[in-house]
C-alpha atoms as a PDB file:
ATOM      1  CA  MET A   1      12.439 -37.656  65.904  1.00  0.00           C
ATOM      2  CA  TYR A   2       9.960 -38.973  63.378  1.00  0.00           C
ATOM      3  CA  GLY A   3       6.970 -37.058  62.104  1.00  0.00           C
ATOM      4  CA  LYS A   4       3.597 -38.171  60.875  1.00  0.00           C
ATOM      5  CA  LEU A   5       3.098 -39.074  57.199  1.00  0.00           C
ATOM      6  CA  VAL A   6       0.028 -37.578  55.514  1.00  0.00           C
ATOM      7  CA  LEU A   7      -1.193 -37.701  51.908  1.00  0.00           C
ATOM      8  CA  VAL A   8      -1.117 -34.532  49.765  1.00  0.00           C
ATOM      9  CA  TYR A   9      -3.700 -33.969  47.009  1.00  0.00           C
ATOM     10  CA  GLU A  10      -4.138 -31.305  44.350  1.00  0.00           C
ATOM     11  CA  GLY A  11      -7.903 -31.441  43.932  1.00  0.00           C
ATOM     12  CA  GLU A  12      -8.586 -35.172  43.565  1.00  0.00           C
ATOM     13  CA  ARG A  13      -5.108 -36.046  42.217  1.00  0.00           C
ATOM     14  CA  LEU A  14      -2.709 -37.651  44.696  1.00  0.00           C
ATOM     15  CA  LEU A  15       0.662 -35.884  44.651  1.00  0.00           C
ATOM     16  CA  GLY A  16       2.396 -37.990  47.302  1.00  0.00           C
ATOM     17  CA  GLU A  17       3.182 -38.010  50.994  1.00  0.00           C
ATOM     18  CA  VAL A  18       4.660 -35.385  53.279  1.00  0.00           C
ATOM     19  CA  GLU A  19       6.081 -35.811  56.756  1.00  0.00           C
ATOM     20  CA  LEU A  20       4.737 -33.379  59.357  1.00  0.00           C
ATOM     21  CA  GLN A  21       7.178 -32.459  62.119  1.00  0.00           C
ATOM     22  CA  HIS A  22       5.782 -31.074  65.359  1.00  0.00           C
ATOM     23  CA  GLN A  23       7.726 -27.936  66.310  1.00  0.00           C
ATOM     24  CA  GLY A  24       6.105 -27.360  69.684  1.00  0.00           C
ATOM     25  CA  GLY A  25       3.616 -24.708  70.646  1.00  0.00           C
ATOM     26  CA  GLY A  26       1.044 -25.863  68.112  1.00  0.00           C
ATOM     27  CA  VAL A  27      -1.490 -28.630  68.376  1.00  0.00           C
ATOM     28  CA  TRP A  28      -2.112 -31.267  65.715  1.00  0.00           C
ATOM     29  CA  GLY A  29      -3.117 -34.773  66.337  1.00  0.00           C
ATOM     30  CA  GLU A  30      -4.408 -37.902  64.736  1.00  0.00           C
ATOM     31  CA  GLU A  31      -7.208 -35.985  62.979  1.00  0.00           C
ATOM     32  CA  ILE A  32      -4.872 -34.843  60.144  1.00  0.00           C
ATOM     33  CA  LYS A  33      -4.899 -37.643  57.571  1.00  0.00           C
ATOM     34  CA  GLU A  34      -4.554 -35.643  54.348  1.00  0.00           C
ATOM     35  CA  ILE A  35      -3.764 -32.182  52.976  1.00  0.00           C
ATOM     36  CA  ARG A  36      -5.623 -30.869  49.918  1.00  0.00           C
ATOM     37  CA  ILE A  37      -4.418 -27.974  47.760  1.00  0.00           C
ATOM     38  CA  SER A  38      -7.522 -26.090  46.651  1.00  0.00           C
ATOM     39  CA  HIS A  39      -5.895 -23.317  44.572  1.00  0.00           C
ATOM     40  CA  TYR A  40      -2.723 -21.296  44.114  1.00  0.00           C
ATOM     41  CA  SER A  41      -2.299 -17.605  44.818  1.00  0.00           C
ATOM     42  CA  PRO A  42      -1.456 -15.424  41.805  1.00  0.00           C
ATOM     43  CA  PRO A  43       2.275 -14.827  41.203  1.00  0.00           C
ATOM     44  CA  SER A  44       3.778 -11.408  41.814  1.00  0.00           C
ATOM     45  CA  GLU A  45       7.079  -9.775  40.936  1.00  0.00           C
ATOM     46  CA  ARG A  46       8.462 -10.496  44.395  1.00  0.00           C
ATOM     47  CA  CYS A  47       7.250 -14.005  45.166  1.00  0.00           C
ATOM     48  CA  PRO A  48       6.128 -17.153  43.329  1.00  0.00           C
ATOM     49  CA  PRO A  49       2.599 -18.545  43.773  1.00  0.00           C
ATOM     50  CA  LEU A  50       1.772 -20.108  47.115  1.00  0.00           C
ATOM     51  CA  ALA A  51      -0.393 -23.164  47.592  1.00  0.00           C
ATOM     52  CA  VAL A  52      -3.518 -22.799  49.708  1.00  0.00           C
ATOM     53  CA  LEU A  53      -3.675 -25.914  51.869  1.00  0.00           C
ATOM     54  CA  ILE A  54      -6.838 -27.389  53.314  1.00  0.00           C
ATOM     55  CA  PRO A  55      -6.091 -30.026  55.987  1.00  0.00           C
END
């Protein structure tokens, strides 16, 4: 099964491509063309920072 390739940006800088795999139950279609990381959450003792994604 092949997924859909979308571009990933950090702000305006292109980071590369990622392949989205549909796992069922959710809905995503042709409208997702890119994912933009707007900011990172602050690190804590128990987990590293997480990216906040804006499709």
